[in-house]
Amino acid sequence: MSAKGDEVENRKQVANGSKKRRLQPGKGQPVPKLMYKDPAFMESLPARPLRILAEYLDPLARLRLENIGDTIVMFGSARVQSREKALAHLHAVQTKAPKKRTPEWRTKITAARSLVQMSRYYEDARELSHRITSWAMTLGNEPRRFVICSGGGPGIMEAANRGASEAGGPSVGLSIQLPHEQSSNPYISPELNFYFHYFFMRKLWFAQMAKALIVFPGGFGTMDELWEMLTLLQTNKLSSHHLILIYGREYWDKVLNWRQMVRTGMINEKEYKLLQFADSVDEAFDHVRRDLEAHHLILDSEGDPPKHPHQLIPNVMRP
């Protein structure tokens, strides 16, 4: 019998036992668990809406408690390492490699050298986060503006939280329950460290408070979040002033041919211009600051009507 079948059978037995006990006059029975304190029920299929709601209400309450006004989301690969770690790994691989290099060892050394090359993006994300946080803190704490937010994991996500921490500011981590990633990075503000089961609820929190998205080199997960945000912008579910900044054209232009999408009519020129590009920390910071100062220094009111009839996400967080 399956685990679900066992659970159903156990509940039937408990129910039948309860009926039998009730048939015995003069004898009481133990008080059952409150339903919301019953793990078997809370983890069951019927309770799924409650679990989904919890992943909305808990972040909502905690973000309001910490007076977070809005965020700057930074995405990128979990596999990119700091320069220090990448160099140490390359040294370890080269030390272990036999003098007569087999194809397997040549592949390992090539991969380790690639990590060193890609480590520049970790260091750039760390510095950019530091600069954005330092500037945002000059805007005061009522509420806290443009707080760095990451996916909570290692790599570029760690670099984003690390830069904010080193600047002395708060940062948000939206971690997800994955088989190969069981802990959040150590640089997230403890009170702003969230852990999700449902990908779609995590994505909602990436979008709901963000005023800008900065996309560093990454793989499937990074592209998934990028396409999600682009689609929300394209369909007016997000404000047209929501900045999407692609960092590192050397990487992205080899992975995605943006202009070919325009040439073939898959997107139009206006949609292409939803994207902004940067190749240095200075260029990226100037883009972000200029856009935020032009469009977002005045925080929207939660009760204001959306600017578009189909806009579902107001990009606001009021206490």
C-alpha atoms as a PDB file:
ATOM      1  CA  MET A   1       0.000   0.000   0.000  1.00  0.00           C
ATOM      2  CA  SER A   2       1.252   3.522  -0.811  1.00  0.00           C
ATOM      3  CA  ALA A   3       2.072   6.119   1.847  1.00  0.00           C
ATOM      4  CA  LYS A   4      -1.100   8.006   0.931  1.00  0.00           C
ATOM      5  CA  GLY A   5      -3.092   4.784   1.197  1.00  0.00           C
ATOM      6  CA  ASP A   6      -1.601   4.128   4.625  1.00  0.00           C
ATOM      7  CA  GLU A   7      -2.573   7.637   5.727  1.00  0.00           C
ATOM      8  CA  VAL A   8      -6.158   7.187   4.547  1.00  0.00           C
ATOM      9  CA  GLU A   9      -6.388   3.796   6.247  1.00  0.00           C
ATOM     10  CA  ASN A  10      -4.978   5.223   9.479  1.00  0.00           C
ATOM     11  CA  ARG A  11      -7.538   8.009   9.434  1.00  0.00           C
ATOM     12  CA  LYS A  12     -10.343   5.490   8.884  1.00  0.00           C
ATOM     13  CA  GLN A  13      -9.097   3.458  11.817  1.00  0.00           C
ATOM     14  CA  VAL A  14      -8.896   6.545  14.015  1.00  0.00           C
ATOM     15  CA  ALA A  15     -12.394   7.566  12.951  1.00  0.00           C
ATOM     16  CA  ASN A  16     -13.777   4.063  13.535  1.00  0.00           C
ATOM     17  CA  GLY A  17     -12.031   3.911  16.882  1.00  0.00           C
ATOM     18  CA  SER A  18     -13.583   7.222  17.804  1.00  0.00           C
ATOM     19  CA  LYS A  19     -17.040   5.930  16.901  1.00  0.00           C
ATOM     20  CA  LYS A  20     -16.525   2.837  19.027  1.00  0.00           C
ATOM     21  CA  ARG A  21     -15.346   4.906  21.963  1.00  0.00           C
ATOM     22  CA  ARG A  22     -18.334   7.212  21.654  1.00  0.00           C
ATOM     23  CA  LEU A  23     -20.602   4.202  21.888  1.00  0.00           C
ATOM     24  CA  GLN A  24     -19.270   3.445  25.373  1.00  0.00           C
ATOM     25  CA  PRO A  25     -21.359   5.508  27.821  1.00  0.00           C
ATOM     26  CA  GLY A  26     -19.677   7.292  30.657  1.00  0.00           C
ATOM     27  CA  LYS A  27     -16.198   7.179  29.146  1.00  0.00           C
ATOM     28  CA  GLY A  28     -14.410  10.206  27.716  1.00  0.00           C
ATOM     29  CA  GLN A  29     -11.741  10.288  25.042  1.00  0.00           C
ATOM     30  CA  PRO A  30      -8.601  12.371  24.469  1.00  0.00           C
ATOM     31  CA  VAL A  31      -9.066  15.798  22.892  1.00  0.00           C
ATOM     32  CA  PRO A  32      -7.956  15.546  19.233  1.00  0.00           C
ATOM     33  CA  LYS A  33      -5.294  17.814  17.762  1.00  0.00           C
ATOM     34  CA  LEU A  34      -6.316  21.178  16.431  1.00  0.00           C
ATOM     35  CA  MET A  35      -6.441  20.816  12.666  1.00  0.00           C
ATOM     36  CA  TYR A  36      -3.763  23.425  11.971  1.00  0.00           C
ATOM     37  CA  LYS A  37      -1.470  21.658  14.475  1.00  0.00           C
ATOM     38  CA  ASP A  38      -1.907  18.272  12.840  1.00  0.00           C
ATOM     39  CA  PRO A  39       1.154  17.642  10.610  1.00  0.00           C
ATOM     40  CA  ALA A  40      -0.638  14.835   8.758  1.00  0.00           C
ATOM     41  CA  PHE A  41      -3.377  17.240   7.707  1.00  0.00           C
ATOM     42  CA  MET A  42      -1.136  20.260   7.036  1.00  0.00           C
ATOM     43  CA  GLU A  43       1.046  18.193   4.691  1.00  0.00           C
ATOM     44  CA  SER A  44      -1.909  16.607   2.924  1.00  0.00           C
ATOM     45  CA  LEU A  45      -3.290  17.427  -0.517  1.00  0.00           C
ATOM     46  CA  PRO A  46      -6.463  19.124   0.858  1.00  0.00           C
ATOM     47  CA  ALA A  47      -4.263  21.526   2.858  1.00  0.00           C
ATOM     48  CA  ARG A  48      -2.220  22.640  -0.158  1.00  0.00           C
ATOM     49  CA  PRO A  49      -4.071  26.008  -0.396  1.00  0.00           C
ATOM     50  CA  LEU A  50      -3.085  26.693   3.222  1.00  0.00           C
ATOM     51  CA  ARG A  51       0.560  25.966   2.471  1.00  0.00           C
ATOM     52  CA  ILE A  52       0.459  28.239  -0.574  1.00  0.00           C
ATOM     53  CA  LEU A  53      -1.185  30.995   1.466  1.00  0.00           C
ATOM     54  CA  ALA A  54       1.479  30.605   4.158  1.00  0.00           C
ATOM     55  CA  GLU A  55       4.168  31.303   1.556  1.00  0.00           C
ATOM     56  CA  TYR A  56       2.429  34.581   0.799  1.00  0.00           C
ATOM     57  CA  LEU A  57       1.454  35.736   4.293  1.00  0.00           C
ATOM     58  CA  ASP A  58       4.684  34.913   6.143  1.00  0.00           C
ATOM     59  CA  PRO A  59       6.920  36.971   3.789  1.00  0.00           C
ATOM     60  CA  LEU A  60       4.313  39.731   3.724  1.00  0.00           C
ATOM     61  CA  ALA A  61       4.291  40.015   7.518  1.00  0.00           C
ATOM     62  CA  ARG A  62       8.067  39.797   7.925  1.00  0.00           C
ATOM     63  CA  LEU A  63       8.880  42.262   5.152  1.00  0.00           C
ATOM     64  CA  ARG A  64       6.434  44.763   6.614  1.00  0.00           C
ATOM     65  CA  LEU A  65       7.894  44.216  10.081  1.00  0.00           C
ATOM     66  CA  GLU A  66      11.356  45.022   8.725  1.00  0.00           C
ATOM     67  CA  ASN A  67       9.962  48.076   6.885  1.00  0.00           C
ATOM     68  CA  ILE A  68      11.152  46.989   3.439  1.00  0.00           C
ATOM     69  CA  GLY A  69       9.774  49.358   0.811  1.00  0.00           C
ATOM     70  CA  ASP A  70      11.015  47.702  -2.375  1.00  0.00           C
ATOM     71  CA  THR A  71      13.865  45.625  -3.752  1.00  0.00           C
ATOM     72  CA  ILE A  72      16.514  45.305  -6.446  1.00  0.00           C
ATOM     73  CA  VAL A  73      16.679  41.688  -7.584  1.00  0.00           C
ATOM     74  CA  MET A  74      19.992  40.179  -8.680  1.00  0.00           C
ATOM     75  CA  PHE A  75      20.023  36.849 -10.538  1.00  0.00           C
ATOM     76  CA  GLY A  76      22.841  34.673 -11.833  1.00  0.00           C
ATOM     77  CA  SER A  77      24.430  31.257 -11.747  1.00  0.00           C
ATOM     78  CA  ALA A  78      24.798  29.349  -8.496  1.00  0.00           C
ATOM     79  CA  ARG A  79      27.981  27.804  -9.943  1.00  0.00           C
ATOM     80  CA  VAL A  80      30.058  30.975 -10.240  1.00  0.00           C
ATOM     81  CA  GLN A  81      32.654  31.169  -7.473  1.00  0.00           C
ATOM     82  CA  SER A  82      34.555  34.002  -5.860  1.00  0.00           C
ATOM     83  CA  ARG A  83      37.959  34.622  -7.391  1.00  0.00           C
ATOM     84  CA  GLU A  84      39.646  33.334  -4.254  1.00  0.00           C
ATOM     85  CA  LYS A  85      37.768  30.028  -4.325  1.00  0.00           C
ATOM     86  CA  ALA A  86      38.149  29.614  -8.092  1.00  0.00           C
ATOM     87  CA  LEU A  87      41.914  30.113  -7.944  1.00  0.00           C
ATOM     88  CA  ALA A  88      42.212  27.691  -5.026  1.00  0.00           C
ATOM     89  CA  HIS A  89      40.206  25.102  -6.959  1.00  0.00           C
ATOM     90  CA  LEU A  90      42.362  25.511 -10.078  1.00  0.00           C
ATOM     91  CA  HIS A  91      45.515  25.122  -7.993  1.00  0.00           C
ATOM     92  CA  ALA A  92      44.132  21.969  -6.341  1.00  0.00           C
ATOM     93  CA  VAL A  93      43.211  20.427  -9.704  1.00  0.00           C
ATOM     94  CA  GLN A  94      46.583  21.253 -11.246  1.00  0.00           C
ATOM     95  CA  THR A  95      48.388  19.822  -8.212  1.00  0.00           C
ATOM     96  CA  LYS A  96      46.452  16.532  -8.343  1.00  0.00           C
ATOM     97  CA  ALA A  97      46.731  16.123 -12.120  1.00  0.00           C
ATOM     98  CA  PRO A  98      49.317  13.583 -13.324  1.00  0.00           C
ATOM     99  CA  LYS A  99      52.258  14.807 -15.383  1.00  0.00           C
ATOM    100  CA  LYS A 100      50.915  12.906 -18.353  1.00  0.00           C
ATOM    101  CA  ARG A 101      47.536  14.556 -18.801  1.00  0.00           C
ATOM    102  CA  THR A 102      44.709  12.238 -19.779  1.00  0.00           C
ATOM    103  CA  PRO A 103      41.666  13.630 -21.633  1.00  0.00           C
ATOM    104  CA  GLU A 104      39.741  13.422 -18.356  1.00  0.00           C
ATOM    105  CA  TRP A 105      42.272  15.575 -16.523  1.00  0.00           C
ATOM    106  CA  ARG A 106      42.537  18.053 -19.390  1.00  0.00           C
ATOM    107  CA  THR A 107      38.761  18.474 -19.165  1.00  0.00           C
ATOM    108  CA  LYS A 108      38.985  19.057 -15.401  1.00  0.00           C
ATOM    109  CA  ILE A 109      41.716  21.680 -15.809  1.00  0.00           C
ATOM    110  CA  THR A 110      39.797  23.457 -18.578  1.00  0.00           C
ATOM    111  CA  ALA A 111      36.688  23.549 -16.369  1.00  0.00           C
ATOM    112  CA  ALA A 112      38.706  24.926 -13.432  1.00  0.00           C
ATOM    113  CA  ARG A 113      40.205  27.658 -15.636  1.00  0.00           C
ATOM    114  CA  SER A 114      36.723  28.549 -16.834  1.00  0.00           C
ATOM    115  CA  LEU A 115      35.624  29.012 -13.219  1.00  0.00           C
ATOM    116  CA  VAL A 116      38.483  31.474 -12.723  1.00  0.00           C
ATOM    117  CA  GLN A 117      37.407  33.432 -15.819  1.00  0.00           C
ATOM    118  CA  MET A 118      33.762  33.486 -14.709  1.00  0.00           C
ATOM    119  CA  SER A 119      34.717  34.543 -11.163  1.00  0.00           C
ATOM    120  CA  ARG A 120      34.900  38.154 -12.400  1.00  0.00           C
ATOM    121  CA  TYR A 121      31.094  38.138 -12.411  1.00  0.00           C
ATOM    122  CA  TYR A 122      30.996  37.121  -8.735  1.00  0.00           C
ATOM    123  CA  GLU A 123      33.292  40.001  -7.847  1.00  0.00           C
ATOM    124  CA  ASP A 124      31.343  42.422 -10.053  1.00  0.00           C
ATOM    125  CA  ALA A 125      28.012  41.387  -8.510  1.00  0.00           C
ATOM    126  CA  ARG A 126      29.490  41.786  -5.043  1.00  0.00           C
ATOM    127  CA  GLU A 127      30.789  45.292  -5.813  1.00  0.00           C
ATOM    128  CA  LEU A 128      27.595  46.386  -7.584  1.00  0.00           C
ATOM    129  CA  SER A 129      25.455  45.216  -4.665  1.00  0.00           C
ATOM    130  CA  HIS A 130      27.735  47.091  -2.262  1.00  0.00           C
ATOM    131  CA  ARG A 131      27.377  50.314  -4.267  1.00  0.00           C
ATOM    132  CA  ILE A 132      23.603  50.067  -4.659  1.00  0.00           C
ATOM    133  CA  THR A 133      23.172  49.331  -0.946  1.00  0.00           C
ATOM    134  CA  SER A 134      25.469  52.170   0.129  1.00  0.00           C
ATOM    135  CA  TRP A 135      23.506  54.605  -2.026  1.00  0.00           C
ATOM    136  CA  ALA A 136      20.091  53.225  -0.988  1.00  0.00           C
ATOM    137  CA  MET A 137      20.923  53.646   2.704  1.00  0.00           C
ATOM    138  CA  THR A 138      21.306  57.392   2.161  1.00  0.00           C
ATOM    139  CA  LEU A 139      17.571  57.490   1.359  1.00  0.00           C
ATOM    140  CA  GLY A 140      16.605  56.654   4.945  1.00  0.00           C
ATOM    141  CA  ASN A 141      14.775  53.823   6.676  1.00  0.00           C
ATOM    142  CA  GLU A 142      11.140  54.924   6.446  1.00  0.00           C
ATOM    143  CA  PRO A 143      10.840  52.642   4.597  1.00  0.00           C
ATOM    144  CA  ARG A 144      14.062  50.931   3.578  1.00  0.00           C
ATOM    145  CA  ARG A 145      14.423  51.486  -0.147  1.00  0.00           C
ATOM    146  CA  PHE A 146      15.900  49.367  -2.950  1.00  0.00           C
ATOM    147  CA  VAL A 147      17.014  46.485  -0.738  1.00  0.00           C
ATOM    148  CA  ILE A 148      19.081  43.842  -2.530  1.00  0.00           C
ATOM    149  CA  CYS A 149      17.198  40.578  -3.058  1.00  0.00           C
ATOM    150  CA  SER A 150      18.625  37.286  -4.333  1.00  0.00           C
ATOM    151  CA  GLY A 151      17.582  33.680  -4.736  1.00  0.00           C
ATOM    152  CA  GLY A 152      19.331  32.906  -1.460  1.00  0.00           C
ATOM    153  CA  GLY A 153      21.786  30.327  -2.791  1.00  0.00           C
ATOM    154  CA  PRO A 154      25.498  30.305  -3.652  1.00  0.00           C
ATOM    155  CA  GLY A 155      27.302  31.869  -6.609  1.00  0.00           C
ATOM    156  CA  ILE A 156      25.987  35.196  -7.921  1.00  0.00           C
ATOM    157  CA  MET A 157      23.204  35.056  -5.324  1.00  0.00           C
ATOM    158  CA  GLU A 158      25.777  34.855  -2.538  1.00  0.00           C
ATOM    159  CA  ALA A 159      27.774  37.698  -4.102  1.00  0.00           C
ATOM    160  CA  ALA A 160      24.679  39.924  -4.117  1.00  0.00           C
ATOM    161  CA  ASN A 161      23.901  39.303  -0.450  1.00  0.00           C
ATOM    162  CA  ARG A 162      27.578  39.541   0.450  1.00  0.00           C
ATOM    163  CA  GLY A 163      28.008  42.970  -1.124  1.00  0.00           C
ATOM    164  CA  ALA A 164      24.968  44.312   0.730  1.00  0.00           C
ATOM    165  CA  SER A 165      26.206  42.838   4.002  1.00  0.00           C
ATOM    166  CA  GLU A 166      29.667  44.351   3.534  1.00  0.00           C
ATOM    167  CA  ALA A 167      28.030  47.738   2.929  1.00  0.00           C
ATOM    168  CA  GLY A 168      26.274  47.406   6.281  1.00  0.00           C
ATOM    169  CA  GLY A 169      22.794  47.106   4.818  1.00  0.00           C
ATOM    170  CA  PRO A 170      20.022  44.502   4.846  1.00  0.00           C
ATOM    171  CA  SER A 171      19.388  42.014   2.057  1.00  0.00           C
ATOM    172  CA  VAL A 172      16.675  39.496   1.238  1.00  0.00           C
ATOM    173  CA  GLY A 173      17.158  35.831   0.337  1.00  0.00           C
ATOM    174  CA  LEU A 174      14.358  33.841  -1.317  1.00  0.00           C
ATOM    175  CA  SER A 175      15.666  30.293  -1.071  1.00  0.00           C
ATOM    176  CA  ILE A 176      13.898  27.325  -2.640  1.00  0.00           C
ATOM    177  CA  GLN A 177      13.669  23.729  -1.432  1.00  0.00           C
ATOM    178  CA  LEU A 178      15.928  21.728  -3.765  1.00  0.00           C
ATOM    179  CA  PRO A 179      17.554  18.282  -3.408  1.00  0.00           C
ATOM    180  CA  HIS A 180      21.064  19.651  -4.098  1.00  0.00           C
ATOM    181  CA  GLU A 181      20.791  22.983  -2.254  1.00  0.00           C
ATOM    182  CA  GLN A 182      19.856  22.627   1.388  1.00  0.00           C
ATOM    183  CA  SER A 183      21.096  25.838   2.965  1.00  0.00           C
ATOM    184  CA  SER A 184      20.949  29.585   2.394  1.00  0.00           C
ATOM    185  CA  ASN A 185      24.113  31.596   1.930  1.00  0.00           C
ATOM    186  CA  PRO A 186      25.503  33.161   5.129  1.00  0.00           C
ATOM    187  CA  TYR A 187      25.221  36.806   4.009  1.00  0.00           C
ATOM    188  CA  ILE A 188      21.416  37.127   3.986  1.00  0.00           C
ATOM    189  CA  SER A 189      19.933  39.196   6.817  1.00  0.00           C
ATOM    190  CA  PRO A 190      18.571  36.495   9.179  1.00  0.00           C
ATOM    191  CA  GLU A 191      15.216  38.255   9.564  1.00  0.00           C
ATOM    192  CA  LEU A 192      14.867  38.414   5.747  1.00  0.00           C
ATOM    193  CA  ASN A 193      15.828  34.816   5.012  1.00  0.00           C
ATOM    194  CA  PHE A 194      12.876  33.003   3.379  1.00  0.00           C
ATOM    195  CA  TYR A 195      12.546  29.353   2.351  1.00  0.00           C
ATOM    196  CA  PHE A 196       9.959  28.315  -0.229  1.00  0.00           C
ATOM    197  CA  HIS A 197       8.541  25.025  -1.424  1.00  0.00           C
ATOM    198  CA  TYR A 198       6.521  26.434  -4.331  1.00  0.00           C
ATOM    199  CA  PHE A 199       8.474  27.987  -7.201  1.00  0.00           C
ATOM    200  CA  PHE A 200       5.538  30.147  -8.267  1.00  0.00           C
ATOM    201  CA  MET A 201       5.228  31.742  -4.821  1.00  0.00           C
ATOM    202  CA  ARG A 202       8.937  32.495  -4.802  1.00  0.00           C
ATOM    203  CA  LYS A 203       8.597  34.080  -8.254  1.00  0.00           C
ATOM    204  CA  LEU A 204       5.724  36.219  -7.019  1.00  0.00           C
ATOM    205  CA  TRP A 205       7.933  37.663  -4.291  1.00  0.00           C
ATOM    206  CA  PHE A 206      10.743  38.324  -6.764  1.00  0.00           C
ATOM    207  CA  ALA A 207       8.324  40.360  -8.898  1.00  0.00           C
ATOM    208  CA  GLN A 208       6.021  41.957  -6.358  1.00  0.00           C
ATOM    209  CA  MET A 209       8.510  44.291  -4.707  1.00  0.00           C
ATOM    210  CA  ALA A 210      11.210  44.704  -7.335  1.00  0.00           C
ATOM    211  CA  LYS A 211      11.980  47.977  -9.053  1.00  0.00           C
ATOM    212  CA  ALA A 212      14.853  46.515 -11.075  1.00  0.00           C
ATOM    213  CA  LEU A 213      16.192  43.130 -12.141  1.00  0.00           C
ATOM    214  CA  ILE A 214      19.929  42.698 -12.783  1.00  0.00           C
ATOM    215  CA  VAL A 215      20.718  39.500 -14.671  1.00  0.00           C
ATOM    216  CA  PHE A 216      24.254  38.125 -14.457  1.00  0.00           C
ATOM    217  CA  PRO A 217      25.479  35.131 -16.492  1.00  0.00           C
ATOM    218  CA  GLY A 218      23.603  31.978 -15.588  1.00  0.00           C
ATOM    219  CA  GLY A 219      21.898  28.852 -16.830  1.00  0.00           C
ATOM    220  CA  PHE A 220      18.363  27.473 -16.937  1.00  0.00           C
ATOM    221  CA  GLY A 221      17.230  28.956 -13.609  1.00  0.00           C
ATOM    222  CA  THR A 222      18.541  32.423 -14.442  1.00  0.00           C
ATOM    223  CA  MET A 223      16.900  32.365 -17.863  1.00  0.00           C
ATOM    224  CA  ASP A 224      13.655  31.105 -16.361  1.00  0.00           C
ATOM    225  CA  GLU A 225      13.454  34.133 -14.070  1.00  0.00           C
ATOM    226  CA  LEU A 226      14.495  36.482 -16.892  1.00  0.00           C
ATOM    227  CA  TRP A 227      11.773  35.225 -19.254  1.00  0.00           C
ATOM    228  CA  GLU A 228       9.213  35.410 -16.453  1.00  0.00           C
ATOM    229  CA  MET A 229       9.964  39.081 -15.810  1.00  0.00           C
ATOM    230  CA  LEU A 230      10.147  39.926 -19.508  1.00  0.00           C
ATOM    231  CA  THR A 231       6.753  38.326 -20.102  1.00  0.00           C
ATOM    232  CA  LEU A 232       5.221  40.269 -17.213  1.00  0.00           C
ATOM    233  CA  LEU A 233       6.636  43.479 -18.684  1.00  0.00           C
ATOM    234  CA  GLN A 234       5.578  42.635 -22.229  1.00  0.00           C
ATOM    235  CA  THR A 235       1.998  41.967 -21.093  1.00  0.00           C
ATOM    236  CA  ASN A 236       1.833  45.037 -18.809  1.00  0.00           C
ATOM    237  CA  LYS A 237       1.590  42.991 -15.620  1.00  0.00           C
ATOM    238  CA  LEU A 238       4.544  45.008 -14.340  1.00  0.00           C
ATOM    239  CA  SER A 239       5.137  48.734 -14.564  1.00  0.00           C
ATOM    240  CA  SER A 240       6.762  49.809 -17.832  1.00  0.00           C
ATOM    241  CA  HIS A 241       9.407  51.537 -15.704  1.00  0.00           C
ATOM    242  CA  HIS A 242      10.636  48.227 -14.312  1.00  0.00           C
ATOM    243  CA  LEU A 243      14.339  48.047 -15.262  1.00  0.00           C
ATOM    244  CA  ILE A 244      15.777  44.805 -16.658  1.00  0.00           C
ATOM    245  CA  LEU A 245      19.555  45.067 -16.906  1.00  0.00           C
ATOM    246  CA  ILE A 246      21.538  42.313 -18.647  1.00  0.00           C
ATOM    247  CA  TYR A 247      25.075  42.213 -17.248  1.00  0.00           C
ATOM    248  CA  GLY A 248      27.932  40.837 -19.337  1.00  0.00           C
ATOM    249  CA  ARG A 249      27.329  41.002 -23.089  1.00  0.00           C
ATOM    250  CA  GLU A 250      30.434  38.882 -23.709  1.00  0.00           C
ATOM    251  CA  TYR A 251      28.543  35.957 -22.178  1.00  0.00           C
ATOM    252  CA  TRP A 252      24.942  36.712 -23.122  1.00  0.00           C
ATOM    253  CA  ASP A 253      25.545  37.560 -26.786  1.00  0.00           C
ATOM    254  CA  LYS A 254      27.020  34.074 -27.271  1.00  0.00           C
ATOM    255  CA  VAL A 255      24.108  32.418 -25.497  1.00  0.00           C
ATOM    256  CA  LEU A 256      21.181  34.423 -26.901  1.00  0.00           C
ATOM    257  CA  ASN A 257      20.898  36.262 -30.197  1.00  0.00           C
ATOM    258  CA  TRP A 258      18.597  39.063 -29.133  1.00  0.00           C
ATOM    259  CA  ARG A 259      18.666  40.920 -32.459  1.00  0.00           C
ATOM    260  CA  GLN A 260      17.719  37.767 -34.371  1.00  0.00           C
ATOM    261  CA  MET A 261      14.465  37.705 -32.418  1.00  0.00           C
ATOM    262  CA  VAL A 262      13.723  41.194 -33.775  1.00  0.00           C
ATOM    263  CA  ARG A 263      14.819  40.393 -37.326  1.00  0.00           C
ATOM    264  CA  THR A 264      12.558  37.346 -37.502  1.00  0.00           C
ATOM    265  CA  GLY A 265       9.585  39.226 -36.039  1.00  0.00           C
ATOM    266  CA  MET A 266       9.402  37.154 -32.855  1.00  0.00           C
ATOM    267  CA  ILE A 267       9.627  40.385 -30.847  1.00  0.00           C
ATOM    268  CA  ASN A 268       9.413  43.991 -31.998  1.00  0.00           C
ATOM    269  CA  GLU A 269      11.858  46.839 -31.490  1.00  0.00           C
ATOM    270  CA  LYS A 270       9.876  48.248 -28.580  1.00  0.00           C
ATOM    271  CA  GLU A 271       9.999  44.891 -26.790  1.00  0.00           C
ATOM    272  CA  TYR A 272      13.720  44.583 -27.453  1.00  0.00           C
ATOM    273  CA  LYS A 273      14.191  47.950 -25.784  1.00  0.00           C
ATOM    274  CA  LEU A 274      12.784  46.497 -22.571  1.00  0.00           C
ATOM    275  CA  LEU A 275      16.339  45.235 -22.153  1.00  0.00           C
ATOM    276  CA  GLN A 276      19.266  47.370 -21.011  1.00  0.00           C
ATOM    277  CA  PHE A 277      22.874  46.179 -21.051  1.00  0.00           C
ATOM    278  CA  ALA A 278      25.989  46.794 -18.977  1.00  0.00           C
ATOM    279  CA  ASP A 279      29.538  45.433 -18.993  1.00  0.00           C
ATOM    280  CA  SER A 280      31.032  47.105 -15.937  1.00  0.00           C
ATOM    281  CA  VAL A 281      30.040  47.937 -12.378  1.00  0.00           C
ATOM    282  CA  ASP A 282      30.210  51.673 -13.124  1.00  0.00           C
ATOM    283  CA  GLU A 283      27.947  51.329 -16.164  1.00  0.00           C
ATOM    284  CA  ALA A 284      25.464  49.117 -14.301  1.00  0.00           C
ATOM    285  CA  PHE A 285      25.308  51.352 -11.232  1.00  0.00           C
ATOM    286  CA  ASP A 286      24.752  54.447 -13.376  1.00  0.00           C
ATOM    287  CA  HIS A 287      21.906  52.661 -15.212  1.00  0.00           C
ATOM    288  CA  VAL A 288      20.248  51.551 -11.983  1.00  0.00           C
ATOM    289  CA  ARG A 289      20.595  54.837 -10.114  1.00  0.00           C
ATOM    290  CA  ARG A 290      19.439  56.918 -13.077  1.00  0.00           C
ATOM    291  CA  ASP A 291      16.353  54.749 -13.579  1.00  0.00           C
ATOM    292  CA  LEU A 292      15.428  54.650  -9.888  1.00  0.00           C
ATOM    293  CA  GLU A 293      15.858  58.397  -9.452  1.00  0.00           C
ATOM    294  CA  ALA A 294      13.747  59.075 -12.555  1.00  0.00           C
ATOM    295  CA  HIS A 295      10.862  56.732 -11.785  1.00  0.00           C
ATOM    296  CA  HIS A 296      10.853  55.270  -8.286  1.00  0.00           C
ATOM    297  CA  LEU A 297      12.035  57.674  -5.590  1.00  0.00           C
ATOM    298  CA  ILE A 298       8.401  58.371  -4.670  1.00  0.00           C
ATOM    299  CA  LEU A 299       6.971  55.118  -3.359  1.00  0.00           C
ATOM    300  CA  ASP A 300       3.621  54.162  -4.867  1.00  0.00           C
ATOM    301  CA  SER A 301       0.617  53.924  -2.570  1.00  0.00           C
ATOM    302  CA  GLU A 302      -0.858  50.468  -2.120  1.00  0.00           C
ATOM    303  CA  GLY A 303      -4.361  51.802  -2.690  1.00  0.00           C
ATOM    304  CA  ASP A 304      -3.567  53.564  -5.960  1.00  0.00           C
ATOM    305  CA  PRO A 305      -5.273  52.096  -9.033  1.00  0.00           C
ATOM    306  CA  PRO A 306      -2.960  50.268 -11.466  1.00  0.00           C
ATOM    307  CA  LYS A 307      -1.689  52.278 -14.423  1.00  0.00           C
ATOM    308  CA  HIS A 308      -2.961  49.584 -16.790  1.00  0.00           C
ATOM    309  CA  PRO A 309      -6.278  47.670 -16.467  1.00  0.00           C
ATOM    310  CA  HIS A 310      -4.480  44.313 -16.545  1.00  0.00           C
ATOM    311  CA  GLN A 311      -1.602  45.239 -14.247  1.00  0.00           C
ATOM    312  CA  LEU A 312      -1.797  42.818 -11.340  1.00  0.00           C
ATOM    313  CA  ILE A 313       1.405  43.585  -9.466  1.00  0.00           C
ATOM    314  CA  PRO A 314       1.693  47.133  -8.054  1.00  0.00           C
ATOM    315  CA  ASN A 315       5.372  46.845  -7.000  1.00  0.00           C
ATOM    316  CA  VAL A 316       4.758  48.229  -3.545  1.00  0.00           C
ATOM    317  CA  MET A 317       5.076  47.186   0.064  1.00  0.00           C
ATOM    318  CA  ARG A 318       3.456  49.359   2.687  1.00  0.00           C
ATOM    319  CA  PRO A 319       3.469  48.699   6.455  1.00  0.00           C
END
